[in-house]
Amino acid sequence: MCLIKEMFINIGKTKKENLNHSGRSYIGETLQIEGDLRSSGIVDIAGLINGNVYVEDTIVKETGSVRGHIEANTIEVNGHIEGQITATNIIIGKNAIIKGDIFFKNTLKTEEGADIDGYIKRVNNGKLKTEEDIAIEEIVERDERLEAETIPVRTHKEAV
């Protein structure tokens, strides 16, 4: 019994020593994932993911496809995405097809030929509101007050 226990301990040690600690994962062209993907490292996507992707950095290759939201620090898209993209830095290649909204914090680079069907917005995340944001909020509040107030209207009798 002690020999078997020692054997498993030694196998565990050799596996830990042989692990690749690059923090980079690869979803191959022949792989399809159903469900959310989470990683604290970099993920290259050449296959299909039907679910949300939450990673540090990702590259969606030309053969890659994601049907769900993607949240990352840096995203490079060369394939197909159906869903919202949220990242600090986004690079959209010429072969990219995106059907969904794009929210970025620092940079958005788009190559000519990319097909984007969605809303693109820069988000501040922690920065003070700009004068434009404050002015827009004031307009919205003023419109809501106007809708809330009912103004009595007098009816006029028509002259005969």
C-alpha atoms as a PDB file:
ATOM      1  CA  MET A   1       0.000   0.000   0.000  1.00  0.00           C
ATOM      2  CA  CYS A   2       2.829   2.374   0.874  1.00  0.00           C
ATOM      3  CA  LEU A   3       4.549   1.582  -2.466  1.00  0.00           C
ATOM      4  CA  ILE A   4       1.389   2.486  -4.443  1.00  0.00           C
ATOM      5  CA  LYS A   5       0.985   5.732  -2.510  1.00  0.00           C
ATOM      6  CA  GLU A   6       4.619   6.665  -3.182  1.00  0.00           C
ATOM      7  CA  MET A   7       4.164   5.831  -6.881  1.00  0.00           C
ATOM      8  CA  PHE A   8       1.241   8.269  -7.189  1.00  0.00           C
ATOM      9  CA  ILE A   9       3.192  10.980  -5.382  1.00  0.00           C
ATOM     10  CA  ASN A  10       6.076  10.542  -7.837  1.00  0.00           C
ATOM     11  CA  ILE A  11       3.716  10.627 -10.861  1.00  0.00           C
ATOM     12  CA  GLY A  12       2.200  13.866  -9.560  1.00  0.00           C
ATOM     13  CA  LYS A  13       5.655  15.431  -9.208  1.00  0.00           C
ATOM     14  CA  THR A  14       6.705  14.539 -12.754  1.00  0.00           C
ATOM     15  CA  LYS A  15       3.466  15.909 -14.211  1.00  0.00           C
ATOM     16  CA  LYS A  16       3.940  19.240 -12.439  1.00  0.00           C
ATOM     17  CA  GLU A  17       7.491  19.515 -13.747  1.00  0.00           C
ATOM     18  CA  ASN A  18       6.400  18.839 -17.362  1.00  0.00           C
ATOM     19  CA  LEU A  19       3.510  21.329 -17.454  1.00  0.00           C
ATOM     20  CA  ASN A  20       3.688  24.204 -19.923  1.00  0.00           C
ATOM     21  CA  HIS A  21       3.284  27.414 -17.927  1.00  0.00           C
ATOM     22  CA  SER A  22       3.053  29.782 -20.900  1.00  0.00           C
ATOM     23  CA  GLY A  23      -0.563  30.625 -20.037  1.00  0.00           C
ATOM     24  CA  ARG A  24      -1.580  30.318 -23.704  1.00  0.00           C
ATOM     25  CA  SER A  25      -4.352  27.959 -24.789  1.00  0.00           C
ATOM     26  CA  TYR A  26      -5.498  26.964 -28.260  1.00  0.00           C
ATOM     27  CA  ILE A  27      -9.024  26.043 -29.384  1.00  0.00           C
ATOM     28  CA  GLY A  28      -8.380  24.104 -32.605  1.00  0.00           C
ATOM     29  CA  GLU A  29     -10.390  24.241 -35.831  1.00  0.00           C
ATOM     30  CA  THR A  30     -11.994  20.864 -35.137  1.00  0.00           C
ATOM     31  CA  LEU A  31     -13.038  21.757 -31.581  1.00  0.00           C
ATOM     32  CA  GLN A  32     -16.514  23.013 -30.618  1.00  0.00           C
ATOM     33  CA  ILE A  33     -17.222  24.201 -27.076  1.00  0.00           C
ATOM     34  CA  GLU A  34     -20.760  24.478 -25.674  1.00  0.00           C
ATOM     35  CA  GLY A  35     -20.726  26.780 -22.637  1.00  0.00           C
ATOM     36  CA  ASP A  36     -18.694  29.615 -21.175  1.00  0.00           C
ATOM     37  CA  LEU A  37     -14.911  29.764 -21.418  1.00  0.00           C
ATOM     38  CA  ARG A  38     -12.861  31.366 -18.618  1.00  0.00           C
ATOM     39  CA  SER A  39      -9.094  31.747 -18.496  1.00  0.00           C
ATOM     40  CA  SER A  40      -6.597  34.004 -16.751  1.00  0.00           C
ATOM     41  CA  GLY A  41      -4.267  33.566 -19.724  1.00  0.00           C
ATOM     42  CA  ILE A  42      -4.290  34.017 -23.483  1.00  0.00           C
ATOM     43  CA  VAL A  43      -6.648  31.967 -25.664  1.00  0.00           C
ATOM     44  CA  ASP A  44      -6.337  31.552 -29.433  1.00  0.00           C
ATOM     45  CA  ILE A  45      -9.688  30.547 -30.947  1.00  0.00           C
ATOM     46  CA  ALA A  46      -9.699  28.731 -34.289  1.00  0.00           C
ATOM     47  CA  GLY A  47     -12.762  26.576 -33.553  1.00  0.00           C
ATOM     48  CA  LEU A  48     -16.356  27.312 -32.477  1.00  0.00           C
ATOM     49  CA  ILE A  49     -17.486  28.505 -29.050  1.00  0.00           C
ATOM     50  CA  ASN A  50     -21.215  28.643 -28.294  1.00  0.00           C
ATOM     51  CA  GLY A  51     -21.009  30.593 -25.059  1.00  0.00           C
ATOM     52  CA  ASN A  52     -19.413  33.590 -23.407  1.00  0.00           C
ATOM     53  CA  VAL A  53     -15.639  34.082 -23.301  1.00  0.00           C
ATOM     54  CA  TYR A  54     -13.929  35.718 -20.307  1.00  0.00           C
ATOM     55  CA  VAL A  55     -10.138  35.769 -20.761  1.00  0.00           C
ATOM     56  CA  GLU A  56      -7.104  38.007 -20.285  1.00  0.00           C
ATOM     57  CA  ASP A  57      -6.266  38.232 -24.018  1.00  0.00           C
ATOM     58  CA  THR A  58      -7.659  36.446 -27.062  1.00  0.00           C
ATOM     59  CA  ILE A  59      -7.182  36.113 -30.782  1.00  0.00           C
ATOM     60  CA  VAL A  60     -10.103  34.881 -32.860  1.00  0.00           C
ATOM     61  CA  LYS A  61      -8.446  33.325 -35.907  1.00  0.00           C
ATOM     62  CA  GLU A  62      -9.968  33.439 -39.431  1.00  0.00           C
ATOM     63  CA  THR A  63     -11.516  29.993 -38.873  1.00  0.00           C
ATOM     64  CA  GLY A  64     -12.658  30.912 -35.344  1.00  0.00           C
ATOM     65  CA  SER A  65     -16.212  31.720 -34.368  1.00  0.00           C
ATOM     66  CA  VAL A  66     -17.802  32.850 -31.095  1.00  0.00           C
ATOM     67  CA  ARG A  67     -21.542  32.996 -30.456  1.00  0.00           C
ATOM     68  CA  GLY A  68     -21.681  34.890 -27.185  1.00  0.00           C
ATOM     69  CA  HIS A  69     -20.169  37.827 -25.350  1.00  0.00           C
ATOM     70  CA  ILE A  70     -16.407  38.302 -25.189  1.00  0.00           C
ATOM     71  CA  GLU A  71     -14.701  40.178 -22.347  1.00  0.00           C
ATOM     72  CA  ALA A  72     -10.927  40.566 -22.317  1.00  0.00           C
ATOM     73  CA  ASN A  73      -8.095  43.018 -21.857  1.00  0.00           C
ATOM     74  CA  THR A  74      -6.999  42.731 -25.504  1.00  0.00           C
ATOM     75  CA  ILE A  75      -8.989  41.161 -28.330  1.00  0.00           C
ATOM     76  CA  GLU A  76      -7.886  40.583 -31.917  1.00  0.00           C
ATOM     77  CA  VAL A  77     -10.671  39.476 -34.265  1.00  0.00           C
ATOM     78  CA  ASN A  78     -10.017  37.881 -37.645  1.00  0.00           C
ATOM     79  CA  GLY A  79     -12.970  35.484 -37.598  1.00  0.00           C
ATOM     80  CA  HIS A  80     -16.677  35.636 -36.798  1.00  0.00           C
ATOM     81  CA  ILE A  81     -18.347  36.937 -33.624  1.00  0.00           C
ATOM     82  CA  GLU A  82     -22.058  37.098 -32.826  1.00  0.00           C
ATOM     83  CA  GLY A  83     -22.328  38.945 -29.535  1.00  0.00           C
ATOM     84  CA  GLN A  84     -21.089  41.871 -27.518  1.00  0.00           C
ATOM     85  CA  ILE A  85     -17.353  42.618 -27.321  1.00  0.00           C
ATOM     86  CA  THR A  86     -15.913  44.441 -24.287  1.00  0.00           C
ATOM     87  CA  ALA A  87     -12.178  45.113 -24.007  1.00  0.00           C
ATOM     88  CA  THR A  88      -9.504  47.655 -23.211  1.00  0.00           C
ATOM     89  CA  ASN A  89      -7.859  47.257 -26.635  1.00  0.00           C
ATOM     90  CA  ILE A  90      -9.487  45.821 -29.750  1.00  0.00           C
ATOM     91  CA  ILE A  91      -7.980  45.011 -33.143  1.00  0.00           C
ATOM     92  CA  ILE A  92     -10.382  44.072 -35.943  1.00  0.00           C
ATOM     93  CA  GLY A  93      -8.802  42.437 -38.984  1.00  0.00           C
ATOM     94  CA  LYS A  94      -9.914  42.773 -42.594  1.00  0.00           C
ATOM     95  CA  ASN A  95     -11.597  39.332 -42.625  1.00  0.00           C
ATOM     96  CA  ALA A  96     -13.532  39.886 -39.377  1.00  0.00           C
ATOM     97  CA  ILE A  97     -17.312  39.625 -39.275  1.00  0.00           C
ATOM     98  CA  ILE A  98     -18.882  41.059 -36.124  1.00  0.00           C
ATOM     99  CA  LYS A  99     -22.607  41.092 -35.381  1.00  0.00           C
ATOM    100  CA  GLY A 100     -22.911  42.812 -32.036  1.00  0.00           C
ATOM    101  CA  ASP A 101     -21.980  45.889 -30.061  1.00  0.00           C
ATOM    102  CA  ILE A 102     -18.352  46.824 -29.380  1.00  0.00           C
ATOM    103  CA  PHE A 103     -17.252  48.585 -26.182  1.00  0.00           C
ATOM    104  CA  PHE A 104     -13.599  49.574 -25.777  1.00  0.00           C
ATOM    105  CA  LYS A 105     -11.624  51.602 -23.227  1.00  0.00           C
ATOM    106  CA  ASN A 106      -8.324  52.626 -24.862  1.00  0.00           C
ATOM    107  CA  THR A 107      -7.875  51.689 -28.510  1.00  0.00           C
ATOM    108  CA  LEU A 108      -9.885  50.344 -31.421  1.00  0.00           C
ATOM    109  CA  LYS A 109      -8.071  49.520 -34.662  1.00  0.00           C
ATOM    110  CA  THR A 110     -10.046  48.373 -37.682  1.00  0.00           C
ATOM    111  CA  GLU A 111      -8.637  47.205 -41.002  1.00  0.00           C
ATOM    112  CA  GLU A 112     -10.415  48.049 -44.233  1.00  0.00           C
ATOM    113  CA  GLY A 113     -12.766  45.250 -45.268  1.00  0.00           C
ATOM    114  CA  ALA A 114     -14.002  44.291 -41.802  1.00  0.00           C
ATOM    115  CA  ASP A 115     -17.771  43.738 -41.585  1.00  0.00           C
ATOM    116  CA  ILE A 116     -19.260  45.241 -38.413  1.00  0.00           C
ATOM    117  CA  ASP A 117     -22.988  45.270 -37.712  1.00  0.00           C
ATOM    118  CA  GLY A 118     -23.408  46.863 -34.303  1.00  0.00           C
ATOM    119  CA  TYR A 119     -22.894  49.866 -32.113  1.00  0.00           C
ATOM    120  CA  ILE A 120     -19.339  51.009 -31.266  1.00  0.00           C
ATOM    121  CA  LYS A 121     -18.718  52.995 -28.076  1.00  0.00           C
ATOM    122  CA  ARG A 122     -15.703  54.073 -26.096  1.00  0.00           C
ATOM    123  CA  VAL A 123     -16.267  53.601 -22.360  1.00  0.00           C
ATOM    124  CA  ASN A 124     -14.483  55.647 -19.705  1.00  0.00           C
ATOM    125  CA  ASN A 125     -14.440  53.210 -16.751  1.00  0.00           C
ATOM    126  CA  GLY A 126     -13.428  55.336 -13.815  1.00  0.00           C
ATOM    127  CA  LYS A 127     -12.734  58.618 -15.575  1.00  0.00           C
ATOM    128  CA  LEU A 128     -14.711  61.642 -14.511  1.00  0.00           C
ATOM    129  CA  LYS A 129     -17.725  62.419 -16.628  1.00  0.00           C
ATOM    130  CA  THR A 130     -16.949  64.633 -19.571  1.00  0.00           C
ATOM    131  CA  GLU A 131     -18.875  67.848 -20.199  1.00  0.00           C
ATOM    132  CA  GLU A 132     -20.597  66.112 -23.106  1.00  0.00           C
ATOM    133  CA  ASP A 133     -21.809  63.257 -20.856  1.00  0.00           C
ATOM    134  CA  ILE A 134     -23.138  65.760 -18.304  1.00  0.00           C
ATOM    135  CA  ALA A 135     -24.915  67.778 -21.021  1.00  0.00           C
ATOM    136  CA  ILE A 136     -26.541  64.603 -22.389  1.00  0.00           C
ATOM    137  CA  GLU A 137     -27.739  63.618 -18.891  1.00  0.00           C
ATOM    138  CA  GLU A 138     -29.249  67.100 -18.415  1.00  0.00           C
ATOM    139  CA  ILE A 139     -31.128  66.815 -21.711  1.00  0.00           C
ATOM    140  CA  VAL A 140     -32.490  63.394 -20.770  1.00  0.00           C
ATOM    141  CA  GLU A 141     -33.586  64.631 -17.318  1.00  0.00           C
ATOM    142  CA  ARG A 142     -35.256  67.696 -18.834  1.00  0.00           C
ATOM    143  CA  ASP A 143     -37.137  65.520 -21.359  1.00  0.00           C
ATOM    144  CA  GLU A 144     -38.357  63.238 -18.558  1.00  0.00           C
ATOM    145  CA  ARG A 145     -39.660  66.238 -16.584  1.00  0.00           C
ATOM    146  CA  LEU A 146     -41.523  67.535 -19.618  1.00  0.00           C
ATOM    147  CA  GLU A 147     -43.167  64.158 -20.132  1.00  0.00           C
ATOM    148  CA  ALA A 148     -44.131  63.960 -16.444  1.00  0.00           C
ATOM    149  CA  GLU A 149     -45.790  67.377 -16.325  1.00  0.00           C
ATOM    150  CA  THR A 150     -49.325  67.616 -17.652  1.00  0.00           C
ATOM    151  CA  ILE A 151     -50.203  70.971 -19.066  1.00  0.00           C
ATOM    152  CA  PRO A 152     -53.903  71.845 -19.090  1.00  0.00           C
ATOM    153  CA  VAL A 153     -55.112  72.788 -22.556  1.00  0.00           C
ATOM    154  CA  ARG A 154     -58.097  75.059 -23.016  1.00  0.00           C
ATOM    155  CA  THR A 155     -60.555  74.144 -25.683  1.00  0.00           C
ATOM    156  CA  HIS A 156     -61.671  77.018 -27.882  1.00  0.00           C
ATOM    157  CA  LYS A 157     -65.136  77.312 -29.286  1.00  0.00           C
ATOM    158  CA  GLU A 158     -65.198  77.820 -32.962  1.00  0.00           C
ATOM    159  CA  ALA A 159     -66.754  81.025 -34.271  1.00  0.00           C
ATOM    160  CA  VAL A 160     -69.908  80.582 -36.360  1.00  0.00           C
END
